[in-house]
């Protein structure tokens, strides 16, 4: 998707994952957040479908 939102989704996903891991390391998040990685894939897929329907 040149010039579209597709170029922003992947970097924002990486930033979100990085922030979550950093918060876990600093002790602000407890538990095993890596067990929720399938949810991230689902949200990413829904975002891609939503973006393709918009334009």
C-alpha atoms as a PDB file:
ATOM      1  CA  UNK A   1       0.000   0.000   0.000  1.00  0.00           C
ATOM      2  CA  UNK A   2       2.283   2.780  -1.138  1.00  0.00           C
ATOM      3  CA  UNK A   3       1.387   6.116   0.375  1.00  0.00           C
ATOM      4  CA  UNK A   4      -1.267   4.527   2.574  1.00  0.00           C
ATOM      5  CA  UNK A   5      -1.590   3.525   6.166  1.00  0.00           C
ATOM      6  CA  UNK A   6       0.084   0.170   5.521  1.00  0.00           C
ATOM      7  CA  UNK A   7       3.504   1.719   5.978  1.00  0.00           C
ATOM      8  CA  UNK A   8       2.617   2.841   9.498  1.00  0.00           C
ATOM      9  CA  UNK A   9       0.911  -0.228  10.946  1.00  0.00           C
ATOM     10  CA  UNK A  10       3.973  -2.458  11.229  1.00  0.00           C
ATOM     11  CA  UNK A  11       6.225   0.148  12.888  1.00  0.00           C
ATOM     12  CA  UNK A  12       3.476   1.081  15.353  1.00  0.00           C
ATOM     13  CA  UNK A  13       2.993  -2.585  16.180  1.00  0.00           C
ATOM     14  CA  UNK A  14       6.702  -2.953  16.899  1.00  0.00           C
ATOM     15  CA  UNK A  15       6.663   0.154  19.079  1.00  0.00           C
ATOM     16  CA  UNK A  16       3.658  -1.149  21.036  1.00  0.00           C
ATOM     17  CA  UNK A  17       5.343  -4.505  21.621  1.00  0.00           C
ATOM     18  CA  UNK A  18       8.531  -2.744  22.691  1.00  0.00           C
ATOM     19  CA  UNK A  19       6.663  -0.537  25.142  1.00  0.00           C
ATOM     20  CA  UNK A  20       4.890  -3.548  26.653  1.00  0.00           C
ATOM     21  CA  UNK A  21       8.149  -5.440  27.082  1.00  0.00           C
ATOM     22  CA  UNK A  22       9.833  -2.382  28.595  1.00  0.00           C
ATOM     23  CA  UNK A  23       6.990  -1.883  31.071  1.00  0.00           C
ATOM     24  CA  UNK A  24       7.270  -5.554  32.016  1.00  0.00           C
ATOM     25  CA  UNK A  25      11.017  -5.197  32.624  1.00  0.00           C
ATOM     26  CA  UNK A  26      10.484  -2.150  34.840  1.00  0.00           C
ATOM     27  CA  UNK A  27       7.909  -4.050  36.880  1.00  0.00           C
ATOM     28  CA  UNK A  28       4.812  -2.086  35.876  1.00  0.00           C
ATOM     29  CA  UNK A  29       3.225  -5.167  34.295  1.00  0.00           C
ATOM     30  CA  UNK A  30       3.006  -8.493  36.045  1.00  0.00           C
ATOM     31  CA  UNK A  31       2.407 -11.909  34.590  1.00  0.00           C
ATOM     32  CA  UNK A  32       3.426 -13.351  31.264  1.00  0.00           C
ATOM     33  CA  UNK A  33       2.372 -10.863  28.589  1.00  0.00           C
ATOM     34  CA  UNK A  34       4.007 -12.893  25.835  1.00  0.00           C
ATOM     35  CA  UNK A  35       1.218 -15.451  26.077  1.00  0.00           C
ATOM     36  CA  UNK A  36      -1.088 -12.873  24.458  1.00  0.00           C
ATOM     37  CA  UNK A  37       0.838 -12.675  21.160  1.00  0.00           C
ATOM     38  CA  UNK A  38      -2.016 -14.320  19.203  1.00  0.00           C
ATOM     39  CA  UNK A  39      -4.254 -11.411  20.175  1.00  0.00           C
ATOM     40  CA  UNK A  40      -1.708  -9.051  18.633  1.00  0.00           C
ATOM     41  CA  UNK A  41      -1.867 -11.001  15.372  1.00  0.00           C
ATOM     42  CA  UNK A  42      -5.667 -10.897  15.378  1.00  0.00           C
ATOM     43  CA  UNK A  43      -5.739  -7.148  15.982  1.00  0.00           C
ATOM     44  CA  UNK A  44      -3.142  -6.630  13.271  1.00  0.00           C
ATOM     45  CA  UNK A  45      -5.189  -8.712  10.809  1.00  0.00           C
ATOM     46  CA  UNK A  46      -8.398  -6.852  11.623  1.00  0.00           C
ATOM     47  CA  UNK A  47      -6.550  -3.581  11.126  1.00  0.00           C
ATOM     48  CA  UNK A  48      -5.338  -4.722   7.715  1.00  0.00           C
ATOM     49  CA  UNK A  49      -8.868  -5.746   6.707  1.00  0.00           C
ATOM     50  CA  UNK A  50     -10.246  -2.443   7.980  1.00  0.00           C
ATOM     51  CA  UNK A  51      -7.607  -0.487   6.038  1.00  0.00           C
ATOM     52  CA  UNK A  52      -8.302  -2.384   2.818  1.00  0.00           C
ATOM     53  CA  UNK A  53     -12.039  -1.717   3.110  1.00  0.00           C
ATOM     54  CA  UNK A  54     -11.466   1.996   3.676  1.00  0.00           C
ATOM     55  CA  UNK A  55      -9.608   2.545   0.493  1.00  0.00           C
END
